[in-house]
Full PDB file with SEQRES, HELIX, SHEET, SSBOND, CRYST1, ORIGX, SCALE, CONECT and MASTER records, all heavy atoms in Angstrom:
SEQRES   1 A   34  GLU GLY ARG ARG LYS THR PHE SER THR CYS ALA SER HIS          
SEQRES   2 A   34  LEU THR ALA VAL ALA ILE PHE HIS GLY THR LEU LEU PHE          
SEQRES   3 A   34  MET TYR PHE ARG PRO SER SER SER                              
HELIX    1 AA1 GLY A    2  TYR A   28  1                                  27    
CRYST1    1.000    1.000    1.000  90.00  90.00  90.00 P 1           1          
ORIGX1      1.000000  0.000000  0.000000        0.00000                         
ORIGX2      0.000000  1.000000  0.000000        0.00000                         
ORIGX3      0.000000  0.000000  1.000000        0.00000                         
SCALE1      1.000000  0.000000  0.000000        0.00000                         
SCALE2      0.000000  1.000000  0.000000        0.00000                         
SCALE3      0.000000  0.000000  1.000000        0.00000                         
ATOM      1  N   GLU A   1    -112.360 145.903 -19.219  1.00  0.00           N  
ATOM      2  CA  GLU A   1    -111.332 146.271 -20.212  1.00  0.00           C  
ATOM      3  C   GLU A   1    -110.708 145.106 -20.857  1.00  0.00           C  
ATOM      4  O   GLU A   1    -110.388 145.109 -22.055  1.00  0.00           O  
ATOM      5  CB  GLU A   1    -110.252 147.131 -19.513  1.00  0.00           C  
ATOM      6  CG  GLU A   1    -109.115 147.592 -20.372  1.00  0.00           C  
ATOM      7  CD  GLU A   1    -109.555 148.529 -21.496  1.00  0.00           C  
ATOM      8  OE1 GLU A   1    -110.628 149.126 -21.374  1.00  0.00           O  
ATOM      9  OE2 GLU A   1    -108.837 148.649 -22.466  1.00  0.00           O  
ATOM     10  N   GLY A   2    -110.462 144.047 -20.044  1.00  0.00           N  
ATOM     11  CA  GLY A   2    -109.889 142.803 -20.614  1.00  0.00           C  
ATOM     12  C   GLY A   2    -110.789 142.149 -21.572  1.00  0.00           C  
ATOM     13  O   GLY A   2    -110.372 141.606 -22.670  1.00  0.00           O  
ATOM     14  N   ARG A   3    -112.080 142.086 -21.266  1.00  0.00           N  
ATOM     15  CA  ARG A   3    -113.090 141.555 -22.179  1.00  0.00           C  
ATOM     16  C   ARG A   3    -113.134 142.352 -23.470  1.00  0.00           C  
ATOM     17  O   ARG A   3    -113.197 141.803 -24.591  1.00  0.00           O  
ATOM     18  CB  ARG A   3    -114.498 141.562 -21.538  1.00  0.00           C  
ATOM     19  CG  ARG A   3    -114.656 140.538 -20.409  1.00  0.00           C  
ATOM     20  CD  ARG A   3    -116.082 140.318 -20.114  1.00  0.00           C  
ATOM     21  NE  ARG A   3    -116.755 141.537 -19.589  1.00  0.00           N  
ATOM     22  CZ  ARG A   3    -116.819 141.866 -18.290  1.00  0.00           C  
ATOM     23  NH1 ARG A   3    -116.256 141.060 -17.438  1.00  0.00           N  
ATOM     24  NH2 ARG A   3    -117.394 142.963 -17.898  1.00  0.00           N  
ATOM     25  N   ARG A   4    -113.120 143.700 -23.367  1.00  0.00           N  
ATOM     26  CA  ARG A   4    -113.202 144.545 -24.565  1.00  0.00           C  
ATOM     27  C   ARG A   4    -111.960 144.364 -25.413  1.00  0.00           C  
ATOM     28  O   ARG A   4    -112.046 144.165 -26.684  1.00  0.00           O  
ATOM     29  CB  ARG A   4    -113.299 145.993 -24.177  1.00  0.00           C  
ATOM     30  CG  ARG A   4    -113.547 146.949 -25.371  1.00  0.00           C  
ATOM     31  CD  ARG A   4    -113.274 148.373 -24.957  1.00  0.00           C  
ATOM     32  NE  ARG A   4    -111.829 148.531 -24.650  1.00  0.00           N  
ATOM     33  CZ  ARG A   4    -110.851 148.608 -25.563  1.00  0.00           C  
ATOM     34  NH1 ARG A   4    -111.139 148.534 -26.859  1.00  0.00           N  
ATOM     35  NH2 ARG A   4    -109.631 148.789 -25.155  1.00  0.00           N  
ATOM     36  N   LYS A   5    -110.810 144.287 -24.837  1.00  0.00           N  
ATOM     37  CA  LYS A   5    -109.578 144.218 -25.606  1.00  0.00           C  
ATOM     38  C   LYS A   5    -109.431 142.859 -26.263  1.00  0.00           C  
ATOM     39  O   LYS A   5    -108.998 142.753 -27.401  1.00  0.00           O  
ATOM     40  CB  LYS A   5    -108.338 144.429 -24.643  1.00  0.00           C  
ATOM     41  CG  LYS A   5    -107.022 144.481 -25.361  1.00  0.00           C  
ATOM     42  CD  LYS A   5    -105.918 144.822 -24.353  1.00  0.00           C  
ATOM     43  CE  LYS A   5    -104.533 144.841 -25.088  1.00  0.00           C  
ATOM     44  NZ  LYS A   5    -103.469 145.201 -24.193  1.00  0.00           N  
ATOM     45  N   THR A   6    -109.865 141.811 -25.554  1.00  0.00           N  
ATOM     46  CA  THR A   6    -109.749 140.404 -26.076  1.00  0.00           C  
ATOM     47  C   THR A   6    -110.741 140.290 -27.252  1.00  0.00           C  
ATOM     48  O   THR A   6    -110.368 139.749 -28.293  1.00  0.00           O  
ATOM     49  CB  THR A   6    -110.035 139.402 -25.023  1.00  0.00           C  
ATOM     50  OG1 THR A   6    -109.173 139.579 -23.908  1.00  0.00           O  
ATOM     51  CG2 THR A   6    -109.886 137.984 -25.591  1.00  0.00           C  
ATOM     52  N   PHE A   7    -111.952 140.773 -27.063  1.00  0.00           N  
ATOM     53  CA  PHE A   7    -112.961 140.617 -28.158  1.00  0.00           C  
ATOM     54  C   PHE A   7    -112.589 141.442 -29.381  1.00  0.00           C  
ATOM     55  O   PHE A   7    -112.869 141.080 -30.484  1.00  0.00           O  
ATOM     56  CB  PHE A   7    -114.302 141.039 -27.610  1.00  0.00           C  
ATOM     57  CG  PHE A   7    -115.379 140.800 -28.639  1.00  0.00           C  
ATOM     58  CD1 PHE A   7    -115.869 139.509 -28.901  1.00  0.00           C  
ATOM     59  CD2 PHE A   7    -115.963 141.853 -29.337  1.00  0.00           C  
ATOM     60  CE1 PHE A   7    -116.884 139.348 -29.823  1.00  0.00           C  
ATOM     61  CE2 PHE A   7    -116.958 141.662 -30.331  1.00  0.00           C  
ATOM     62  CZ  PHE A   7    -117.447 140.374 -30.563  1.00  0.00           C  
ATOM     63  N   SER A   8    -111.931 142.622 -29.183  1.00  0.00           N  
ATOM     64  CA  SER A   8    -111.589 143.468 -30.266  1.00  0.00           C  
ATOM     65  C   SER A   8    -110.575 142.836 -31.235  1.00  0.00           C  
ATOM     66  O   SER A   8    -110.560 143.054 -32.400  1.00  0.00           O  
ATOM     67  CB  SER A   8    -110.994 144.774 -29.776  1.00  0.00           C  
ATOM     68  OG  SER A   8    -109.761 144.587 -29.176  1.00  0.00           O  
ATOM     69  N   THR A   9    -109.762 141.853 -30.731  1.00  0.00           N  
ATOM     70  CA  THR A   9    -108.845 141.096 -31.558  1.00  0.00           C  
ATOM     71  C   THR A   9    -109.569 140.093 -32.432  1.00  0.00           C  
ATOM     72  O   THR A   9    -108.944 139.598 -33.409  1.00  0.00           O  
ATOM     73  CB  THR A   9    -107.765 140.369 -30.669  1.00  0.00           C  
ATOM     74  OG1 THR A   9    -108.414 139.367 -29.856  1.00  0.00           O  
ATOM     75  CG2 THR A   9    -107.045 141.374 -29.799  1.00  0.00           C  
ATOM     76  N   CYS A  10    -110.819 139.750 -32.110  1.00  0.00           N  
ATOM     77  CA  CYS A  10    -111.581 138.733 -32.819  1.00  0.00           C  
ATOM     78  C   CYS A  10    -112.653 139.364 -33.752  1.00  0.00           C  
ATOM     79  O   CYS A  10    -113.083 138.663 -34.702  1.00  0.00           O  
ATOM     80  CB  CYS A  10    -112.255 137.755 -31.853  1.00  0.00           C  
ATOM     81  SG  CYS A  10    -111.138 137.004 -30.677  1.00  0.00           S  
ATOM     82  N   ALA A  11    -113.117 140.588 -33.467  1.00  0.00           N  
ATOM     83  CA  ALA A  11    -114.266 141.125 -34.175  1.00  0.00           C  
ATOM     84  C   ALA A  11    -114.026 141.242 -35.671  1.00  0.00           C  
ATOM     85  O   ALA A  11    -114.822 140.912 -36.463  1.00  0.00           O  
ATOM     86  CB  ALA A  11    -114.593 142.506 -33.580  1.00  0.00           C  
ATOM     87  N   SER A  12    -112.811 141.772 -36.003  1.00  0.00           N  
ATOM     88  CA  SER A  12    -112.491 141.943 -37.470  1.00  0.00           C  
ATOM     89  C   SER A  12    -112.440 140.613 -38.198  1.00  0.00           C  
ATOM     90  O   SER A  12    -112.924 140.450 -39.311  1.00  0.00           O  
ATOM     91  CB  SER A  12    -111.151 142.660 -37.609  1.00  0.00           C  
ATOM     92  OG  SER A  12    -111.231 143.915 -37.034  1.00  0.00           O  
ATOM     93  N   HIS A  13    -111.872 139.600 -37.540  1.00  0.00           N  
ATOM     94  CA  HIS A  13    -111.800 138.266 -38.144  1.00  0.00           C  
ATOM     95  C   HIS A  13    -113.148 137.670 -38.351  1.00  0.00           C  
ATOM     96  O   HIS A  13    -113.501 137.133 -39.398  1.00  0.00           O  
ATOM     97  CB  HIS A  13    -110.965 137.339 -37.215  1.00  0.00           C  
ATOM     98  CG  HIS A  13    -110.793 135.950 -37.740  1.00  0.00           C  
ATOM     99  ND1 HIS A  13    -111.409 134.878 -37.160  1.00  0.00           N  
ATOM    100  CD2 HIS A  13    -110.130 135.460 -38.846  1.00  0.00           C  
ATOM    101  CE1 HIS A  13    -111.102 133.774 -37.853  1.00  0.00           C  
ATOM    102  NE2 HIS A  13    -110.366 134.105 -38.849  1.00  0.00           N  
ATOM    103  N   LEU A  14    -114.056 137.871 -37.318  1.00  0.00           N  
ATOM    104  CA  LEU A  14    -115.428 137.350 -37.459  1.00  0.00           C  
ATOM    105  C   LEU A  14    -116.104 138.027 -38.611  1.00  0.00           C  
ATOM    106  O   LEU A  14    -116.903 137.403 -39.352  1.00  0.00           O  
ATOM    107  CB  LEU A  14    -116.177 137.544 -36.148  1.00  0.00           C  
ATOM    108  CG  LEU A  14    -115.969 136.520 -35.040  1.00  0.00           C  
ATOM    109  CD1 LEU A  14    -116.608 136.982 -33.779  1.00  0.00           C  
ATOM    110  CD2 LEU A  14    -116.512 135.170 -35.479  1.00  0.00           C  
ATOM    111  N   THR A  15    -115.968 139.343 -38.764  1.00  0.00           N  
ATOM    112  CA  THR A  15    -116.566 140.035 -39.850  1.00  0.00           C  
ATOM    113  C   THR A  15    -116.159 139.551 -41.264  1.00  0.00           C  
ATOM    114  O   THR A  15    -116.973 139.271 -42.132  1.00  0.00           O  
ATOM    115  CB  THR A  15    -116.225 141.568 -39.742  1.00  0.00           C  
ATOM    116  OG1 THR A  15    -116.645 142.053 -38.486  1.00  0.00           O  
ATOM    117  CG2 THR A  15    -116.890 142.374 -40.854  1.00  0.00           C  
ATOM    118  N   ALA A  16    -114.853 139.383 -41.420  1.00  0.00           N  
ATOM    119  CA  ALA A  16    -114.334 138.880 -42.648  1.00  0.00           C  
ATOM    120  C   ALA A  16    -114.762 137.487 -42.908  1.00  0.00           C  
ATOM    121  O   ALA A  16    -115.080 137.114 -44.042  1.00  0.00           O  
ATOM    122  CB  ALA A  16    -112.807 138.933 -42.607  1.00  0.00           C  
ATOM    123  N   VAL A  17    -114.827 136.681 -41.882  1.00  0.00           N  
ATOM    124  CA  VAL A  17    -115.252 135.253 -42.062  1.00  0.00           C  
ATOM    125  C   VAL A  17    -116.731 135.232 -42.529  1.00  0.00           C  
ATOM    126  O   VAL A  17    -117.090 134.465 -43.402  1.00  0.00           O  
ATOM    127  CB  VAL A  17    -115.120 134.499 -40.770  1.00  0.00           C  
ATOM    128  CG1 VAL A  17    -115.971 133.157 -40.755  1.00  0.00           C  
ATOM    129  CG2 VAL A  17    -113.682 134.174 -40.493  1.00  0.00           C  
ATOM    130  N   ALA A  18    -117.556 136.078 -41.887  1.00  0.00           N  
ATOM    131  CA  ALA A  18    -118.984 136.097 -42.231  1.00  0.00           C  
ATOM    132  C   ALA A  18    -119.168 136.534 -43.709  1.00  0.00           C  
ATOM    133  O   ALA A  18    -119.947 135.955 -44.441  1.00  0.00           O  
ATOM    134  CB  ALA A  18    -119.697 137.109 -41.320  1.00  0.00           C  
ATOM    135  N   ILE A  19    -118.322 137.525 -44.138  1.00  0.00           N  
ATOM    136  CA  ILE A  19    -118.476 138.007 -45.522  1.00  0.00           C  
ATOM    137  C   ILE A  19    -118.033 136.913 -46.494  1.00  0.00           C  
ATOM    138  O   ILE A  19    -118.704 136.582 -47.522  1.00  0.00           O  
ATOM    139  CB  ILE A  19    -117.660 139.275 -45.716  1.00  0.00           C  
ATOM    140  CG1 ILE A  19    -118.255 140.447 -44.889  1.00  0.00           C  
ATOM    141  CG2 ILE A  19    -117.569 139.655 -47.188  1.00  0.00           C  
ATOM    142  CD1 ILE A  19    -117.428 141.640 -44.865  1.00  0.00           C  
ATOM    143  N   PHE A  20    -116.825 136.319 -46.201  1.00  0.00           N  
ATOM    144  CA  PHE A  20    -116.296 135.320 -47.125  1.00  0.00           C  
ATOM    145  C   PHE A  20    -117.182 134.107 -47.209  1.00  0.00           C  
ATOM    146  O   PHE A  20    -117.564 133.629 -48.291  1.00  0.00           O  
ATOM    147  CB  PHE A  20    -114.882 134.932 -46.645  1.00  0.00           C  
ATOM    148  CG  PHE A  20    -114.175 133.954 -47.533  1.00  0.00           C  
ATOM    149  CD1 PHE A  20    -113.513 134.441 -48.663  1.00  0.00           C  
ATOM    150  CD2 PHE A  20    -114.144 132.617 -47.243  1.00  0.00           C  
ATOM    151  CE1 PHE A  20    -112.865 133.518 -49.543  1.00  0.00           C  
ATOM    152  CE2 PHE A  20    -113.502 131.711 -48.084  1.00  0.00           C  
ATOM    153  CZ  PHE A  20    -112.859 132.117 -49.233  1.00  0.00           C  
ATOM    154  N   HIS A  21    -117.509 133.519 -46.070  1.00  0.00           N  
ATOM    155  CA  HIS A  21    -118.357 132.286 -46.114  1.00  0.00           C  
ATOM    156  C   HIS A  21    -119.720 132.540 -46.529  1.00  0.00           C  
ATOM    157  O   HIS A  21    -120.351 131.689 -47.221  1.00  0.00           O  
ATOM    158  CB  HIS A  21    -118.318 131.624 -44.682  1.00  0.00           C  
ATOM    159  CG  HIS A  21    -117.061 130.907 -44.410  1.00  0.00           C  
ATOM    160  ND1 HIS A  21    -116.663 129.773 -45.082  1.00  0.00           N  
ATOM    161  CD2 HIS A  21    -116.066 131.134 -43.488  1.00  0.00           C  
ATOM    162  CE1 HIS A  21    -115.510 129.335 -44.617  1.00  0.00           C  
ATOM    163  NE2 HIS A  21    -115.149 130.118 -43.687  1.00  0.00           N  
ATOM    164  N   GLY A  22    -120.315 133.673 -46.192  1.00  0.00           N  
ATOM    165  CA  GLY A  22    -121.633 133.986 -46.661  1.00  0.00           C  
ATOM    166  C   GLY A  22    -121.743 134.090 -48.160  1.00  0.00           C  
ATOM    167  O   GLY A  22    -122.705 133.551 -48.787  1.00  0.00           O  
ATOM    168  N   THR A  23    -120.730 134.655 -48.812  1.00  0.00           N  
ATOM    169  CA  THR A  23    -120.680 134.742 -50.219  1.00  0.00           C  
ATOM    170  C   THR A  23    -120.503 133.385 -50.871  1.00  0.00           C  
ATOM    171  O   THR A  23    -121.155 133.090 -51.888  1.00  0.00           O  
ATOM    172  CB  THR A  23    -119.557 135.690 -50.723  1.00  0.00           C  
ATOM    173  OG1 THR A  23    -119.630 136.906 -49.975  1.00  0.00           O  
ATOM    174  CG2 THR A  23    -119.642 135.997 -52.162  1.00  0.00           C  
ATOM    175  N   LEU A  24    -119.625 132.622 -50.335  1.00  0.00           N  
ATOM    176  CA  LEU A  24    -119.409 131.227 -50.823  1.00  0.00           C  
ATOM    177  C   LEU A  24    -120.697 130.435 -50.798  1.00  0.00           C  
ATOM    178  O   LEU A  24    -121.060 129.722 -51.755  1.00  0.00           O  
ATOM    179  CB  LEU A  24    -118.367 130.507 -50.081  1.00  0.00           C  
ATOM    180  CG  LEU A  24    -116.866 130.883 -50.374  1.00  0.00           C  
ATOM    181  CD1 LEU A  24    -115.960 130.049 -49.491  1.00  0.00           C  
ATOM    182  CD2 LEU A  24    -116.531 130.765 -51.863  1.00  0.00           C  
ATOM    183  N   LEU A  25    -121.415 130.456 -49.657  1.00  0.00           N  
ATOM    184  CA  LEU A  25    -122.679 129.702 -49.503  1.00  0.00           C  
ATOM    185  C   LEU A  25    -123.660 130.213 -50.527  1.00  0.00           C  
ATOM    186  O   LEU A  25    -124.437 129.395 -51.109  1.00  0.00           O  
ATOM    187  CB  LEU A  25    -123.177 129.869 -48.078  1.00  0.00           C  
ATOM    188  CG  LEU A  25    -122.423 129.205 -46.988  1.00  0.00           C  
ATOM    189  CD1 LEU A  25    -122.919 129.619 -45.578  1.00  0.00           C  
ATOM    190  CD2 LEU A  25    -122.435 127.686 -47.109  1.00  0.00           C  
ATOM    191  N   PHE A  26    -123.770 131.542 -50.758  1.00  0.00           N  
ATOM    192  CA  PHE A  26    -124.695 132.081 -51.730  1.00  0.00           C  
ATOM    193  C   PHE A  26    -124.366 131.630 -53.115  1.00  0.00           C  
ATOM    194  O   PHE A  26    -125.246 131.355 -53.886  1.00  0.00           O  
ATOM    195  CB  PHE A  26    -124.639 133.625 -51.583  1.00  0.00           C  
ATOM    196  CG  PHE A  26    -125.451 134.316 -52.691  1.00  0.00           C  
ATOM    197  CD1 PHE A  26    -126.795 134.446 -52.569  1.00  0.00           C  
ATOM    198  CD2 PHE A  26    -124.825 134.869 -53.797  1.00  0.00           C  
ATOM    199  CE1 PHE A  26    -127.545 135.073 -53.523  1.00  0.00           C  
ATOM    200  CE2 PHE A  26    -125.541 135.507 -54.784  1.00  0.00           C  
ATOM    201  CZ  PHE A  26    -126.936 135.620 -54.671  1.00  0.00           C  
ATOM    202  N   MET A  27    -123.061 131.561 -53.448  1.00  0.00           N  
ATOM    203  CA  MET A  27    -122.652 131.236 -54.805  1.00  0.00           C  
ATOM    204  C   MET A  27    -122.757 129.757 -55.146  1.00  0.00           C  
ATOM    205  O   MET A  27    -123.252 129.428 -56.270  1.00  0.00           O  
ATOM    206  CB  MET A  27    -121.150 131.613 -54.945  1.00  0.00           C  
ATOM    207  CG  MET A  27    -120.961 133.105 -55.172  1.00  0.00           C  
ATOM    208  SD  MET A  27    -121.665 133.732 -56.658  1.00  0.00           S  
ATOM    209  CE  MET A  27    -120.754 132.748 -57.891  1.00  0.00           C  
ATOM    210  N   TYR A  28    -122.416 128.883 -54.263  1.00  0.00           N  
ATOM    211  CA  TYR A  28    -122.199 127.423 -54.609  1.00  0.00           C  
ATOM    212  C   TYR A  28    -123.225 126.497 -54.036  1.00  0.00           C  
ATOM    213  O   TYR A  28    -123.288 125.326 -54.503  1.00  0.00           O  
ATOM    214  CB  TYR A  28    -120.789 127.045 -54.248  1.00  0.00           C  
ATOM    215  CG  TYR A  28    -119.727 127.788 -54.929  1.00  0.00           C  
ATOM    216  CD1 TYR A  28    -118.969 128.761 -54.299  1.00  0.00           C  
ATOM    217  CD2 TYR A  28    -119.478 127.619 -56.315  1.00  0.00           C  
ATOM    218  CE1 TYR A  28    -118.009 129.492 -54.947  1.00  0.00           C  
ATOM    219  CE2 TYR A  28    -118.507 128.297 -56.979  1.00  0.00           C  
ATOM    220  CZ  TYR A  28    -117.773 129.214 -56.295  1.00  0.00           C  
ATOM    221  OH  TYR A  28    -116.796 129.897 -56.956  1.00  0.00           O  
ATOM    222  N   PHE A  29    -124.093 126.881 -53.122  1.00  0.00           N  
ATOM    223  CA  PHE A  29    -124.975 125.884 -52.531  1.00  0.00           C  
ATOM    224  C   PHE A  29    -126.372 126.081 -52.948  1.00  0.00           C  
ATOM    225  O   PHE A  29    -127.288 126.134 -52.179  1.00  0.00           O  
ATOM    226  CB  PHE A  29    -124.823 125.912 -51.037  1.00  0.00           C  
ATOM    227  CG  PHE A  29    -123.528 125.317 -50.551  1.00  0.00           C  
ATOM    228  CD1 PHE A  29    -122.361 126.066 -50.492  1.00  0.00           C  
ATOM    229  CD2 PHE A  29    -123.420 123.968 -50.175  1.00  0.00           C  
ATOM    230  CE1 PHE A  29    -121.167 125.536 -50.108  1.00  0.00           C  
ATOM    231  CE2 PHE A  29    -122.239 123.420 -49.829  1.00  0.00           C  
ATOM    232  CZ  PHE A  29    -121.115 124.215 -49.762  1.00  0.00           C  
ATOM    233  N   ARG A  30    -126.562 126.196 -54.295  1.00  0.00           N  
ATOM    234  CA  ARG A  30    -127.891 126.289 -54.963  1.00  0.00           C  
ATOM    235  C   ARG A  30    -127.865 125.438 -56.193  1.00  0.00           C  
ATOM    236  O   ARG A  30    -126.833 125.344 -56.771  1.00  0.00           O  
ATOM    237  CB  ARG A  30    -128.248 127.714 -55.259  1.00  0.00           C  
ATOM    238  CG  ARG A  30    -128.397 128.659 -54.134  1.00  0.00           C  
ATOM    239  CD  ARG A  30    -128.592 130.063 -54.598  1.00  0.00           C  
ATOM    240  NE  ARG A  30    -127.356 130.579 -55.286  1.00  0.00           N  
ATOM    241  CZ  ARG A  30    -127.405 131.436 -56.286  1.00  0.00           C  
ATOM    242  NH1 ARG A  30    -128.559 131.936 -56.710  1.00  0.00           N  
ATOM    243  NH2 ARG A  30    -126.338 131.869 -56.878  1.00  0.00           N  
ATOM    244  N   PRO A  31    -129.048 124.867 -56.547  1.00  0.00           N  
ATOM    245  CA  PRO A  31    -129.053 124.194 -57.809  1.00  0.00           C  
ATOM    246  C   PRO A  31    -128.826 125.145 -59.037  1.00  0.00           C  
ATOM    247  O   PRO A  31    -129.166 126.325 -58.940  1.00  0.00           O  
ATOM    248  CB  PRO A  31    -130.439 123.567 -57.891  1.00  0.00           C  
ATOM    249  CG  PRO A  31    -131.244 124.399 -56.903  1.00  0.00           C  
ATOM    250  CD  PRO A  31    -130.303 124.864 -55.825  1.00  0.00           C  
ATOM    251  N   SER A  32    -128.293 124.658 -60.098  1.00  0.00           N  
ATOM    252  CA  SER A  32    -127.974 125.468 -61.233  1.00  0.00           C  
ATOM    253  C   SER A  32    -129.227 126.194 -61.802  1.00  0.00           C  
ATOM    254  O   SER A  32    -129.072 127.254 -62.422  1.00  0.00           O  
ATOM    255  CB  SER A  32    -127.269 124.714 -62.357  1.00  0.00           C  
ATOM    256  OG  SER A  32    -128.082 123.626 -62.802  1.00  0.00           O  
ATOM    257  N   SER A  33    -130.394 125.602 -61.635  1.00  0.00           N  
ATOM    258  CA  SER A  33    -131.627 126.224 -62.169  1.00  0.00           C  
ATOM    259  C   SER A  33    -131.984 127.515 -61.522  1.00  0.00           C  
ATOM    260  O   SER A  33    -132.721 128.342 -62.058  1.00  0.00           O  
ATOM    261  CB  SER A  33    -132.830 125.233 -62.029  1.00  0.00           C  
ATOM    262  OG  SER A  33    -132.966 124.903 -60.684  1.00  0.00           O  
ATOM    263  N   SER A  34    -131.438 127.792 -60.349  1.00  0.00           N  
ATOM    264  CA  SER A  34    -131.686 129.043 -59.578  1.00  0.00           C  
ATOM    265  C   SER A  34    -130.725 130.104 -59.770  1.00  0.00           C  
ATOM    266  O   SER A  34    -130.813 131.165 -59.146  1.00  0.00           O  
ATOM    267  CB  SER A  34    -131.888 128.711 -58.063  1.00  0.00           C  
ATOM    268  OG  SER A  34    -130.701 128.313 -57.525  1.00  0.00           O  
TER     269      SER A  34                                                      
MASTER        0    0    0    1    0    0    0    6  268    1    0    3          
END                                                                             
């Protein structure tokens, strides 16, 4: 129960981080020709 409760406080943050950083990497870390 402690593991579940502790991880639940982090899961949403991890999801948002993955979305935000994934989009930034997709947008800015390619040459302009692509």
